[in-house]
Amino acid sequence: MRIGELSSRTGASQRSLRYYEQQGLLHAGRTASGYRDYAEDAVLRVDNVRRLLADGLTVDDVRTFLPCLDRDLAQEPACPPAVEVYQRRLATVRRRRADLDQVHTRLTRQLRHWGG
């Protein structure tokens, strides 16, 4: 299928699909006229990539899932790197959240001081 159809079927923009390909997360063949040609399993792969990114993982994190991206990650048992990657990302989120709580406290305190 061409990039427009893959975009329609997955909800990913064509720009995102080209980016996934550039990052090694998605692969396309080429037609004789040079157009990208994706296999049917690209739909599941793109859905998985989008799900992982929406969960807060980075592209580098998603690369660790390469051996599993052609499986239904939402329905099947955890891919071998999944637990470690999610634990690491959750620890990062917790640190950032704590940092933001401190910023919130300082901003609130300063506004109170100014009478705002």
PDB file of N, CA and C in Angstrom:
ATOM      1  N   MET A   1       0.848  -1.171   0.000  1.00  0.00           N
ATOM      2  CA  MET A   1       0.000   0.000   0.000  1.00  0.00           C
ATOM      3  C   MET A   1       0.890   1.229   0.000  1.00  0.00           C
ATOM      4  N   ARG A   2       0.388   2.300  -0.515  1.00  0.00           N
ATOM      5  CA  ARG A   2       1.144   3.549  -0.558  1.00  0.00           C
ATOM      6  C   ARG A   2       0.998   4.300   0.756  1.00  0.00           C
ATOM      7  N   ILE A   3       1.808   5.318   0.909  1.00  0.00           N
ATOM      8  CA  ILE A   3       1.876   6.054   2.162  1.00  0.00           C
ATOM      9  C   ILE A   3       0.543   6.722   2.524  1.00  0.00           C
ATOM     10  N   GLY A   4      -0.192   7.195   1.536  1.00  0.00           N
ATOM     11  CA  GLY A   4      -1.485   7.831   1.805  1.00  0.00           C
ATOM     12  C   GLY A   4      -2.480   6.861   2.408  1.00  0.00           C
ATOM     13  N   GLU A   5      -2.508   5.645   1.899  1.00  0.00           N
ATOM     14  CA  GLU A   5      -3.408   4.635   2.440  1.00  0.00           C
ATOM     15  C   GLU A   5      -2.994   4.238   3.851  1.00  0.00           C
ATOM     16  N   LEU A   6      -1.701   4.063   4.074  1.00  0.00           N
ATOM     17  CA  LEU A   6      -1.228   3.721   5.411  1.00  0.00           C
ATOM     18  C   LEU A   6      -1.574   4.839   6.392  1.00  0.00           C
ATOM     19  N   SER A   7      -1.427   6.059   5.961  1.00  0.00           N
ATOM     20  CA  SER A   7      -1.785   7.202   6.789  1.00  0.00           C
ATOM     21  C   SER A   7      -3.274   7.175   7.129  1.00  0.00           C
ATOM     22  N   SER A   8      -4.101   6.924   6.151  1.00  0.00           N
ATOM     23  CA  SER A   8      -5.556   6.862   6.375  1.00  0.00           C
ATOM     24  C   SER A   8      -5.940   5.733   7.320  1.00  0.00           C
ATOM     25  N   ARG A   9      -5.307   4.600   7.170  1.00  0.00           N
ATOM     26  CA  ARG A   9      -5.665   3.427   7.974  1.00  0.00           C
ATOM     27  C   ARG A   9      -5.175   3.508   9.404  1.00  0.00           C
ATOM     28  N   THR A  10      -4.107   4.277   9.636  1.00  0.00           N
ATOM     29  CA  THR A  10      -3.528   4.334  10.983  1.00  0.00           C
ATOM     30  C   THR A  10      -3.779   5.649  11.707  1.00  0.00           C
ATOM     31  N   GLY A  11      -4.118   6.678  10.978  1.00  0.00           N
ATOM     32  CA  GLY A  11      -4.281   7.993  11.586  1.00  0.00           C
ATOM     33  C   GLY A  11      -2.970   8.736  11.759  1.00  0.00           C
ATOM     34  N   ALA A  12      -1.874   8.140  11.331  1.00  0.00           N
ATOM     35  CA  ALA A  12      -0.567   8.802  11.403  1.00  0.00           C
ATOM     36  C   ALA A  12      -0.392   9.666  10.158  1.00  0.00           C
ATOM     37  N   SER A  13       0.173  10.831  10.340  1.00  0.00           N
ATOM     38  CA  SER A  13       0.413  11.696   9.181  1.00  0.00           C
ATOM     39  C   SER A  13       1.489  11.081   8.285  1.00  0.00           C
ATOM     40  N   GLN A  14       1.480  11.464   7.042  1.00  0.00           N
ATOM     41  CA  GLN A  14       2.516  10.979   6.130  1.00  0.00           C
ATOM     42  C   GLN A  14       3.891  11.432   6.602  1.00  0.00           C
ATOM     43  N   ARG A  15       3.957  12.612   7.170  1.00  0.00           N
ATOM     44  CA  ARG A  15       5.226  13.098   7.709  1.00  0.00           C
ATOM     45  C   ARG A  15       5.716  12.184   8.837  1.00  0.00           C
ATOM     46  N   SER A  16       4.801  11.776   9.720  1.00  0.00           N
ATOM     47  CA  SER A  16       5.172  10.868  10.810  1.00  0.00           C
ATOM     48  C   SER A  16       5.659   9.536  10.259  1.00  0.00           C
ATOM     49  N   LEU A  17       4.980   9.031   9.256  1.00  0.00           N
ATOM     50  CA  LEU A  17       5.382   7.752   8.666  1.00  0.00           C
ATOM     51  C   LEU A  17       6.780   7.834   8.071  1.00  0.00           C
ATOM     52  N   ARG A  18       7.079   8.933   7.388  1.00  0.00           N
ATOM     53  CA  ARG A  18       8.433   9.100   6.851  1.00  0.00           C
ATOM     54  C   ARG A  18       9.450   9.190   7.988  1.00  0.00           C
ATOM     55  N   TYR A  19       9.072   9.868   9.085  1.00  0.00           N
ATOM     56  CA  TYR A  19       9.963   9.970  10.248  1.00  0.00           C
ATOM     57  C   TYR A  19      10.202   8.593  10.862  1.00  0.00           C
ATOM     58  N   TYR A  20       9.137   7.799  11.024  1.00  0.00           N
ATOM     59  CA  TYR A  20       9.307   6.443  11.571  1.00  0.00           C
ATOM     60  C   TYR A  20      10.255   5.638  10.695  1.00  0.00           C
ATOM     61  N   GLU A  21      10.114   5.809   9.409  1.00  0.00           N
ATOM     62  CA  GLU A  21      10.991   5.093   8.479  1.00  0.00           C
ATOM     63  C   GLU A  21      12.440   5.573   8.643  1.00  0.00           C
ATOM     64  N   GLN A  22      12.635   6.875   8.735  1.00  0.00           N
ATOM     65  CA  GLN A  22      13.970   7.451   8.920  1.00  0.00           C
ATOM     66  C   GLN A  22      14.613   6.941  10.210  1.00  0.00           C
ATOM     67  N   GLN A  23      13.801   6.722  11.241  1.00  0.00           N
ATOM     68  CA  GLN A  23      14.303   6.275  12.531  1.00  0.00           C
ATOM     69  C   GLN A  23      14.460   4.755  12.613  1.00  0.00           C
ATOM     70  N   GLY A  24      14.133   4.056  11.537  1.00  0.00           N
ATOM     71  CA  GLY A  24      14.301   2.609  11.503  1.00  0.00           C
ATOM     72  C   GLY A  24      13.166   1.839  12.161  1.00  0.00           C
ATOM     73  N   LEU A  25      12.047   2.494  12.415  1.00  0.00           N
ATOM     74  CA  LEU A  25      10.904   1.851  13.063  1.00  0.00           C
ATOM     75  C   LEU A  25       9.935   1.251  12.055  1.00  0.00           C
ATOM     76  N   LEU A  26      10.031   1.656  10.805  1.00  0.00           N
ATOM     77  CA  LEU A  26       9.110   1.241   9.759  1.00  0.00           C
ATOM     78  C   LEU A  26       9.914   1.067   8.480  1.00  0.00           C
ATOM     79  N   HIS A  27       9.522   0.101   7.684  1.00  0.00           N
ATOM     80  CA  HIS A  27      10.250  -0.167   6.446  1.00  0.00           C
ATOM     81  C   HIS A  27       9.276  -0.195   5.276  1.00  0.00           C
ATOM     82  N   ALA A  28       9.734   0.347   4.170  1.00  0.00           N
ATOM     83  CA  ALA A  28       8.923   0.351   2.954  1.00  0.00           C
ATOM     84  C   ALA A  28       9.770  -0.109   1.789  1.00  0.00           C
ATOM     85  N   GLY A  29       9.129  -0.841   0.905  1.00  0.00           N
ATOM     86  CA  GLY A  29       9.760  -1.130  -0.367  1.00  0.00           C
ATOM     87  C   GLY A  29       9.509   0.046  -1.293  1.00  0.00           C
ATOM     88  N   ARG A  30       9.924  -0.084  -2.504  1.00  0.00           N
ATOM     89  CA  ARG A  30       9.697   0.962  -3.505  1.00  0.00           C
ATOM     90  C   ARG A  30       9.080   0.343  -4.746  1.00  0.00           C
ATOM     91  N   THR A  31       8.134   1.058  -5.318  1.00  0.00           N
ATOM     92  CA  THR A  31       7.548   0.619  -6.579  1.00  0.00           C
ATOM     93  C   THR A  31       8.522   0.964  -7.702  1.00  0.00           C
ATOM     94  N   ALA A  32       8.238   0.498  -8.870  1.00  0.00           N
ATOM     95  CA  ALA A  32       9.101   0.784 -10.020  1.00  0.00           C
ATOM     96  C   ALA A  32       9.200   2.289 -10.269  1.00  0.00           C
ATOM     97  N   SER A  33       8.149   3.014  -9.915  1.00  0.00           N
ATOM     98  CA  SER A  33       8.176   4.465 -10.125  1.00  0.00           C
ATOM     99  C   SER A  33       8.711   5.220  -8.904  1.00  0.00           C
ATOM    100  N   GLY A  34       9.189   4.486  -7.890  1.00  0.00           N
ATOM    101  CA  GLY A  34       9.845   5.120  -6.756  1.00  0.00           C
ATOM    102  C   GLY A  34       8.960   5.430  -5.562  1.00  0.00           C
ATOM    103  N   TYR A  35       7.671   5.100  -5.642  1.00  0.00           N
ATOM    104  CA  TYR A  35       6.779   5.357  -4.508  1.00  0.00           C
ATOM    105  C   TYR A  35       7.029   4.345  -3.391  1.00  0.00           C
ATOM    106  N   ARG A  36       6.839   4.814  -2.162  1.00  0.00           N
ATOM    107  CA  ARG A  36       6.925   3.891  -1.030  1.00  0.00           C
ATOM    108  C   ARG A  36       5.801   2.861  -1.151  1.00  0.00           C
ATOM    109  N   ASP A  37       6.136   1.624  -0.800  1.00  0.00           N
ATOM    110  CA  ASP A  37       5.166   0.536  -0.860  1.00  0.00           C
ATOM    111  C   ASP A  37       5.262  -0.243   0.451  1.00  0.00           C
ATOM    112  N   TYR A  38       4.218  -0.149   1.264  1.00  0.00           N
ATOM    113  CA  TYR A  38       4.208  -0.781   2.581  1.00  0.00           C
ATOM    114  C   TYR A  38       3.429  -2.093   2.539  1.00  0.00           C
ATOM    115  N   ALA A  39       3.919  -3.060   3.287  1.00  0.00           N
ATOM    116  CA  ALA A  39       3.220  -4.334   3.427  1.00  0.00           C
ATOM    117  C   ALA A  39       2.030  -4.156   4.360  1.00  0.00           C
ATOM    118  N   GLU A  40       1.124  -5.105   4.334  1.00  0.00           N
ATOM    119  CA  GLU A  40      -0.068  -5.055   5.176  1.00  0.00           C
ATOM    120  C   GLU A  40       0.284  -4.982   6.658  1.00  0.00           C
ATOM    121  N   ASP A  41       1.359  -5.648   7.082  1.00  0.00           N
ATOM    122  CA  ASP A  41       1.710  -5.652   8.507  1.00  0.00           C
ATOM    123  C   ASP A  41       2.205  -4.299   9.006  1.00  0.00           C
ATOM    124  N   ALA A  42       2.413  -3.351   8.092  1.00  0.00           N
ATOM    125  CA  ALA A  42       2.823  -2.006   8.496  1.00  0.00           C
ATOM    126  C   ALA A  42       1.743  -1.319   9.321  1.00  0.00           C
ATOM    127  N   VAL A  43       0.487  -1.685   9.105  1.00  0.00           N
ATOM    128  CA  VAL A  43      -0.608  -1.077   9.874  1.00  0.00           C
ATOM    129  C   VAL A  43      -0.438  -1.389  11.356  1.00  0.00           C
ATOM    130  N   LEU A  44      -0.230  -2.641  11.687  1.00  0.00           N
ATOM    131  CA  LEU A  44      -0.033  -3.029  13.085  1.00  0.00           C
ATOM    132  C   LEU A  44       1.235  -2.391  13.649  1.00  0.00           C
ATOM    133  N   ARG A  45       2.290  -2.369  12.870  1.00  0.00           N
ATOM    134  CA  ARG A  45       3.558  -1.789  13.319  1.00  0.00           C
ATOM    135  C   ARG A  45       3.371  -0.305  13.653  1.00  0.00           C
ATOM    136  N   VAL A  46       2.716   0.434  12.772  1.00  0.00           N
ATOM    137  CA  VAL A  46       2.491   1.859  13.016  1.00  0.00           C
ATOM    138  C   VAL A  46       1.591   2.045  14.241  1.00  0.00           C
ATOM    139  N   ASP A  47       0.549   1.232  14.365  1.00  0.00           N
ATOM    140  CA  ASP A  47      -0.304   1.313  15.557  1.00  0.00           C
ATOM    141  C   ASP A  47       0.510   1.105  16.830  1.00  0.00           C
ATOM    142  N   ASN A  48       1.407   0.140  16.808  1.00  0.00           N
ATOM    143  CA  ASN A  48       2.254  -0.122  17.975  1.00  0.00           C
ATOM    144  C   ASN A  48       3.187   1.055  18.264  1.00  0.00           C
ATOM    145  N   VAL A  49       3.820   1.569  17.230  1.00  0.00           N
ATOM    146  CA  VAL A  49       4.730   2.709  17.420  1.00  0.00           C
ATOM    147  C   VAL A  49       3.963   3.877  18.016  1.00  0.00           C
ATOM    148  N   ARG A  50       2.814   4.180  17.466  1.00  0.00           N
ATOM    149  CA  ARG A  50       2.013   5.307  17.963  1.00  0.00           C
ATOM    150  C   ARG A  50       1.579   5.078  19.404  1.00  0.00           C
ATOM    151  N   ARG A  51       1.213   3.862  19.742  1.00  0.00           N
ATOM    152  CA  ARG A  51       0.794   3.540  21.116  1.00  0.00           C
ATOM    153  C   ARG A  51       1.958   3.741  22.085  1.00  0.00           C
ATOM    154  N   LEU A  52       3.126   3.243  21.717  1.00  0.00           N
ATOM    155  CA  LEU A  52       4.297   3.376  22.582  1.00  0.00           C
ATOM    156  C   LEU A  52       4.694   4.842  22.770  1.00  0.00           C
ATOM    157  N   LEU A  53       4.667   5.608  21.690  1.00  0.00           N
ATOM    158  CA  LEU A  53       4.985   7.032  21.798  1.00  0.00           C
ATOM    159  C   LEU A  53       3.938   7.759  22.644  1.00  0.00           C
ATOM    160  N   ALA A  54       2.671   7.398  22.466  1.00  0.00           N
ATOM    161  CA  ALA A  54       1.603   8.026  23.266  1.00  0.00           C
ATOM    162  C   ALA A  54       1.736   7.681  24.746  1.00  0.00           C
ATOM    163  N   ASP A  55       2.319   6.528  25.040  1.00  0.00           N
ATOM    164  CA  ASP A  55       2.555   6.128  26.433  1.00  0.00           C
ATOM    165  C   ASP A  55       3.715   6.891  27.057  1.00  0.00           C
ATOM    166  N   GLY A  56       4.370   7.748  26.275  1.00  0.00           N
ATOM    167  CA  GLY A  56       5.446   8.561  26.814  1.00  0.00           C
ATOM    168  C   GLY A  56       6.839   8.036  26.550  1.00  0.00           C
ATOM    169  N   LEU A  57       6.936   6.986  25.746  1.00  0.00           N
ATOM    170  CA  LEU A  57       8.257   6.458  25.425  1.00  0.00           C
ATOM    171  C   LEU A  57       8.907   7.328  24.351  1.00  0.00           C
ATOM    172  N   THR A  58      10.216   7.325  24.327  1.00  0.00           N
ATOM    173  CA  THR A  58      10.955   8.048  23.295  1.00  0.00           C
ATOM    174  C   THR A  58      11.150   7.135  22.089  1.00  0.00           C
ATOM    175  N   VAL A  59      11.603   7.716  20.999  1.00  0.00           N
ATOM    176  CA  VAL A  59      11.906   6.915  19.808  1.00  0.00           C
ATOM    177  C   VAL A  59      13.002   5.900  20.132  1.00  0.00           C
ATOM    178  N   ASP A  60      13.990   6.314  20.921  1.00  0.00           N
ATOM    179  CA  ASP A  60      15.035   5.363  21.318  1.00  0.00           C
ATOM    180  C   ASP A  60      14.448   4.210  22.121  1.00  0.00           C
ATOM    181  N   ASP A  61      13.491   4.519  23.016  1.00  0.00           N
ATOM    182  CA  ASP A  61      12.816   3.456  23.768  1.00  0.00           C
ATOM    183  C   ASP A  61      12.097   2.516  22.809  1.00  0.00           C
ATOM    184  N   VAL A  62      11.395   3.083  21.855  1.00  0.00           N
ATOM    185  CA  VAL A  62      10.611   2.284  20.905  1.00  0.00           C
ATOM    186  C   VAL A  62      11.527   1.362  20.101  1.00  0.00           C
ATOM    187  N   ARG A  63      12.725   1.807  19.797  1.00  0.00           N
ATOM    188  CA  ARG A  63      13.670   0.960  19.051  1.00  0.00           C
ATOM    189  C   ARG A  63      13.955  -0.347  19.788  1.00  0.00           C
ATOM    190  N   THR A  64      13.909  -0.326  21.114  1.00  0.00           N
ATOM    191  CA  THR A  64      14.152  -1.571  21.854  1.00  0.00           C
ATOM    192  C   THR A  64      13.042  -2.582  21.625  1.00  0.00           C
ATOM    193  N   PHE A  65      11.912  -2.132  21.112  1.00  0.00           N
ATOM    194  CA  PHE A  65      10.773  -3.007  20.829  1.00  0.00           C
ATOM    195  C   PHE A  65      10.791  -3.563  19.411  1.00  0.00           C
ATOM    196  N   LEU A  66      11.800  -3.244  18.615  1.00  0.00           N
ATOM    197  CA  LEU A  66      11.813  -3.661  17.206  1.00  0.00           C
ATOM    198  C   LEU A  66      11.462  -5.126  16.990  1.00  0.00           C
ATOM    199  N   PRO A  67      11.991  -6.062  17.786  1.00  0.00           N
ATOM    200  CA  PRO A  67      11.639  -7.466  17.541  1.00  0.00           C
ATOM    201  C   PRO A  67      10.163  -7.777  17.787  1.00  0.00           C
ATOM    202  N   CYS A  68       9.455  -6.871  18.446  1.00  0.00           N
ATOM    203  CA  CYS A  68       8.067  -7.143  18.837  1.00  0.00           C
ATOM    204  C   CYS A  68       7.043  -6.257  18.130  1.00  0.00           C
ATOM    205  N   LEU A  69       7.473  -5.314  17.318  1.00  0.00           N
ATOM    206  CA  LEU A  69       6.548  -4.340  16.749  1.00  0.00           C
ATOM    207  C   LEU A  69       5.533  -4.926  15.776  1.00  0.00           C
ATOM    208  N   ASP A  70       5.756  -6.132  15.311  1.00  0.00           N
ATOM    209  CA  ASP A  70       4.807  -6.748  14.382  1.00  0.00           C
ATOM    210  C   ASP A  70       3.809  -7.651  15.095  1.00  0.00           C
ATOM    211  N   ARG A  71       3.824  -7.617  16.440  1.00  0.00           N
ATOM    212  CA  ARG A  71       2.833  -8.337  17.255  1.00  0.00           C
ATOM    213  C   ARG A  71       1.870  -7.319  17.824  1.00  0.00           C
ATOM    214  N   ASP A  72       0.707  -7.760  18.222  1.00  0.00           N
ATOM    215  CA  ASP A  72      -0.265  -6.864  18.845  1.00  0.00           C
ATOM    216  C   ASP A  72       0.154  -6.630  20.295  1.00  0.00           C
ATOM    217  N   LEU A  73       0.893  -5.563  20.534  1.00  0.00           N
ATOM    218  CA  LEU A  73       1.449  -5.303  21.857  1.00  0.00           C
ATOM    219  C   LEU A  73       0.372  -5.034  22.909  1.00  0.00           C
ATOM    220  N   ALA A  74      -0.790  -4.591  22.477  1.00  0.00           N
ATOM    221  CA  ALA A  74      -1.869  -4.303  23.432  1.00  0.00           C
ATOM    222  C   ALA A  74      -2.539  -5.580  23.929  1.00  0.00           C
ATOM    223  N   GLN A  75      -2.457  -6.666  23.175  1.00  0.00           N
ATOM    224  CA  GLN A  75      -3.186  -7.888  23.513  1.00  0.00           C
ATOM    225  C   GLN A  75      -2.299  -9.037  23.972  1.00  0.00           C
ATOM    226  N   GLU A  76      -1.070  -9.061  23.514  1.00  0.00           N
ATOM    227  CA  GLU A  76      -0.197 -10.199  23.809  1.00  0.00           C
ATOM    228  C   GLU A  76       0.604  -9.957  25.081  1.00  0.00           C
ATOM    229  N   PRO A  77       1.217 -10.992  25.614  1.00  0.00           N
ATOM    230  CA  PRO A  77       2.084 -10.811  26.793  1.00  0.00           C
ATOM    231  C   PRO A  77       3.185  -9.802  26.509  1.00  0.00           C
ATOM    232  N   ALA A  78       3.743  -9.261  27.563  1.00  0.00           N
ATOM    233  CA  ALA A  78       4.756  -8.216  27.436  1.00  0.00           C
ATOM    234  C   ALA A  78       5.930  -8.672  26.584  1.00  0.00           C
ATOM    235  N   CYS A  79       6.363  -7.802  25.720  1.00  0.00           N
ATOM    236  CA  CYS A  79       7.577  -7.995  24.937  1.00  0.00           C
ATOM    237  C   CYS A  79       8.746  -7.966  25.928  1.00  0.00           C
ATOM    238  N   PRO A  80       9.801  -8.768  25.707  1.00  0.00           N
ATOM    239  CA  PRO A  80      10.897  -8.843  26.686  1.00  0.00           C
ATOM    240  C   PRO A  80      11.403  -7.496  27.228  1.00  0.00           C
ATOM    241  N   PRO A  81      11.630  -6.462  26.401  1.00  0.00           N
ATOM    242  CA  PRO A  81      12.153  -5.224  26.989  1.00  0.00           C
ATOM    243  C   PRO A  81      11.086  -4.341  27.641  1.00  0.00           C
ATOM    244  N   ALA A  82       9.814  -4.696  27.501  1.00  0.00           N
ATOM    245  CA  ALA A  82       8.733  -3.793  27.891  1.00  0.00           C
ATOM    246  C   ALA A  82       8.774  -3.367  29.349  1.00  0.00           C
ATOM    247  N   VAL A  83       8.889  -4.304  30.248  1.00  0.00           N
ATOM    248  CA  VAL A  83       8.806  -3.979  31.669  1.00  0.00           C
ATOM    249  C   VAL A  83       9.934  -3.040  32.067  1.00  0.00           C
ATOM    250  N   GLU A  84      11.153  -3.354  31.657  1.00  0.00           N
ATOM    251  CA  GLU A  84      12.286  -2.498  32.015  1.00  0.00           C
ATOM    252  C   GLU A  84      12.140  -1.094  31.430  1.00  0.00           C
ATOM    253  N   VAL A  85      11.746  -1.002  30.171  1.00  0.00           N
ATOM    254  CA  VAL A  85      11.608   0.294  29.516  1.00  0.00           C
ATOM    255  C   VAL A  85      10.515   1.110  30.199  1.00  0.00           C
ATOM    256  N   TYR A  86       9.382   0.491  30.484  1.00  0.00           N
ATOM    257  CA  TYR A  86       8.290   1.205  31.145  1.00  0.00           C
ATOM    258  C   TYR A  86       8.680   1.625  32.562  1.00  0.00           C
ATOM    259  N   GLN A  87       9.399   0.777  33.288  1.00  0.00           N
ATOM    260  CA  GLN A  87       9.847   1.148  34.632  1.00  0.00           C
ATOM    261  C   GLN A  87      10.801   2.336  34.574  1.00  0.00           C
ATOM    262  N   ARG A  88      11.714   2.302  33.634  1.00  0.00           N
ATOM    263  CA  ARG A  88      12.668   3.401  33.491  1.00  0.00           C
ATOM    264  C   ARG A  88      11.955   4.702  33.118  1.00  0.00           C
ATOM    265  N   ARG A  89      11.021   4.619  32.192  1.00  0.00           N
ATOM    266  CA  ARG A  89      10.292   5.822  31.772  1.00  0.00           C
ATOM    267  C   ARG A  89       9.423   6.345  32.915  1.00  0.00           C
ATOM    268  N   LEU A  90       8.805   5.454  33.683  1.00  0.00           N
ATOM    269  CA  LEU A  90       7.984   5.868  34.821  1.00  0.00           C
ATOM    270  C   LEU A  90       8.834   6.573  35.872  1.00  0.00           C
ATOM    271  N   ALA A  91      10.042   6.087  36.119  1.00  0.00           N
ATOM    272  CA  ALA A  91      10.936   6.748  37.073  1.00  0.00           C
ATOM    273  C   ALA A  91      11.268   8.163  36.600  1.00  0.00           C
ATOM    274  N   THR A  92      11.481   8.325  35.302  1.00  0.00           N
ATOM    275  CA  THR A  92      11.753   9.646  34.749  1.00  0.00           C
ATOM    276  C   THR A  92      10.553  10.565  34.935  1.00  0.00           C
ATOM    277  N   VAL A  93       9.368  10.059  34.674  1.00  0.00           N
ATOM    278  CA  VAL A  93       8.147  10.855  34.838  1.00  0.00           C
ATOM    279  C   VAL A  93       7.972  11.262  36.296  1.00  0.00           C
ATOM    280  N   ARG A  94       8.238  10.346  37.211  1.00  0.00           N
ATOM    281  CA  ARG A  94       8.115  10.683  38.633  1.00  0.00           C
ATOM    282  C   ARG A  94       9.088  11.789  39.024  1.00  0.00           C
ATOM    283  N   ARG A  95      10.327  11.732  38.531  1.00  0.00           N
ATOM    284  CA  ARG A  95      11.301  12.792  38.827  1.00  0.00           C
ATOM    285  C   ARG A  95      10.837  14.122  38.258  1.00  0.00           C
ATOM    286  N   ARG A  96      10.370  14.114  37.029  1.00  0.00           N
ATOM    287  CA  ARG A  96       9.888  15.357  36.407  1.00  0.00           C
ATOM    288  C   ARG A  96       8.680  15.908  37.144  1.00  0.00           C
ATOM    289  N   ARG A  97       7.807  15.021  37.564  1.00  0.00           N
ATOM    290  CA  ARG A  97       6.619  15.445  38.306  1.00  0.00           C
ATOM    291  C   ARG A  97       7.021  16.111  39.619  1.00  0.00           C
ATOM    292  N   ALA A  98       7.995  15.532  40.316  1.00  0.00           N
ATOM    293  CA  ALA A  98       8.483  16.117  41.567  1.00  0.00           C
ATOM    294  C   ALA A  98       9.098  17.487  41.295  1.00  0.00           C
ATOM    295  N   ASP A  99       9.864  17.598  40.221  1.00  0.00           N
ATOM    296  CA  ASP A  99      10.452  18.888  39.858  1.00  0.00           C
ATOM    297  C   ASP A  99       9.362  19.919  39.568  1.00  0.00           C
ATOM    298  N   LEU A 100       8.329  19.509  38.851  1.00  0.00           N
ATOM    299  CA  LEU A 100       7.231  20.423  38.539  1.00  0.00           C
ATOM    300  C   LEU A 100       6.453  20.819  39.796  1.00  0.00           C
ATOM    301  N   ASP A 101       6.302  19.901  40.728  1.00  0.00           N
ATOM    302  CA  ASP A 101       5.650  20.240  41.997  1.00  0.00           C
ATOM    303  C   ASP A 101       6.440  21.323  42.723  1.00  0.00           C
ATOM    304  N   GLN A 102       7.757  21.229  42.694  1.00  0.00           N
ATOM    305  CA  GLN A 102       8.588  22.253  43.335  1.00  0.00           C
ATOM    306  C   GLN A 102       8.446  23.598  42.633  1.00  0.00           C
ATOM    307  N   VAL A 103       8.423  23.587  41.319  1.00  0.00           N
ATOM    308  CA  VAL A 103       8.230  24.821  40.561  1.00  0.00           C
ATOM    309  C   VAL A 103       6.864  25.415  40.896  1.00  0.00           C
ATOM    310  N   HIS A 104       5.857  24.587  40.938  1.00  0.00           N
ATOM    311  CA  HIS A 104       4.503  25.036  41.277  1.00  0.00           C
ATOM    312  C   HIS A 104       4.495  25.712  42.645  1.00  0.00           C
ATOM    313  N   THR A 105       5.130  25.104  43.612  1.00  0.00           N
ATOM    314  CA  THR A 105       5.188  25.658  44.967  1.00  0.00           C
ATOM    315  C   THR A 105       5.883  27.018  44.970  1.00  0.00           C
ATOM    316  N   ARG A 106       7.008  27.119  44.269  1.00  0.00           N
ATOM    317  CA  ARG A 106       7.742  28.389  44.236  1.00  0.00           C
ATOM    318  C   ARG A 106       6.941  29.483  43.539  1.00  0.00           C
ATOM    319  N   LEU A 107       6.294  29.156  42.439  1.00  0.00           N
ATOM    320  CA  LEU A 107       5.482  30.147  41.731  1.00  0.00           C
ATOM    321  C   LEU A 107       4.312  30.615  42.588  1.00  0.00           C
ATOM    322  N   THR A 108       3.646  29.666  43.216  1.00  0.00           N
ATOM    323  CA  THR A 108       2.510  30.000  44.076  1.00  0.00           C
ATOM    324  C   THR A 108       2.956  30.884  45.236  1.00  0.00           C
ATOM    325  N   ARG A 109       4.061  30.514  45.859  1.00  0.00           N
ATOM    326  CA  ARG A 109       4.592  31.288  46.988  1.00  0.00           C
ATOM    327  C   ARG A 109       4.919  32.718  46.549  1.00  0.00           C
ATOM    328  N   GLN A 110       5.554  32.868  45.394  1.00  0.00           N
ATOM    329  CA  GLN A 110       5.924  34.206  44.938  1.00  0.00           C
ATOM    330  C   GLN A 110       4.692  35.037  44.623  1.00  0.00           C
ATOM    331  N   LEU A 111       3.700  34.430  43.991  1.00  0.00           N
ATOM    332  CA  LEU A 111       2.459  35.177  43.682  1.00  0.00           C
ATOM    333  C   LEU A 111       1.749  35.602  44.961  1.00  0.00           C
ATOM    334  N   ARG A 112       1.731  34.756  45.955  1.00  0.00           N
ATOM    335  CA  ARG A 112       1.134  35.130  47.238  1.00  0.00           C
ATOM    336  C   ARG A 112       1.895  36.298  47.861  1.00  0.00           C
ATOM    337  N   HIS A 113       3.218  36.241  47.763  1.00  0.00           N
ATOM    338  CA  HIS A 113       4.048  37.308  48.314  1.00  0.00           C
ATOM    339  C   HIS A 113       3.709  38.647  47.650  1.00  0.00           C
ATOM    340  N   TRP A 114       3.460  38.606  46.351  1.00  0.00           N
ATOM    341  CA  TRP A 114       3.140  39.828  45.613  1.00  0.00           C
ATOM    342  C   TRP A 114       1.666  40.217  45.762  1.00  0.00           C
ATOM    343  N   GLY A 115       0.892  39.372  46.429  1.00  0.00           N
ATOM    344  CA  GLY A 115      -0.532  39.658  46.613  1.00  0.00           C
ATOM    345  C   GLY A 115      -1.390  39.250  45.421  1.00  0.00           C
ATOM    346  N   GLY A 116      -0.855  38.364  44.576  1.00  0.00           N
ATOM    347  CA  GLY A 116      -1.592  37.979  43.365  1.00  0.00           C
ATOM    348  C   GLY A 116      -2.378  36.726  43.499  1.00  0.00           C
TER     349      GLY A 116
END
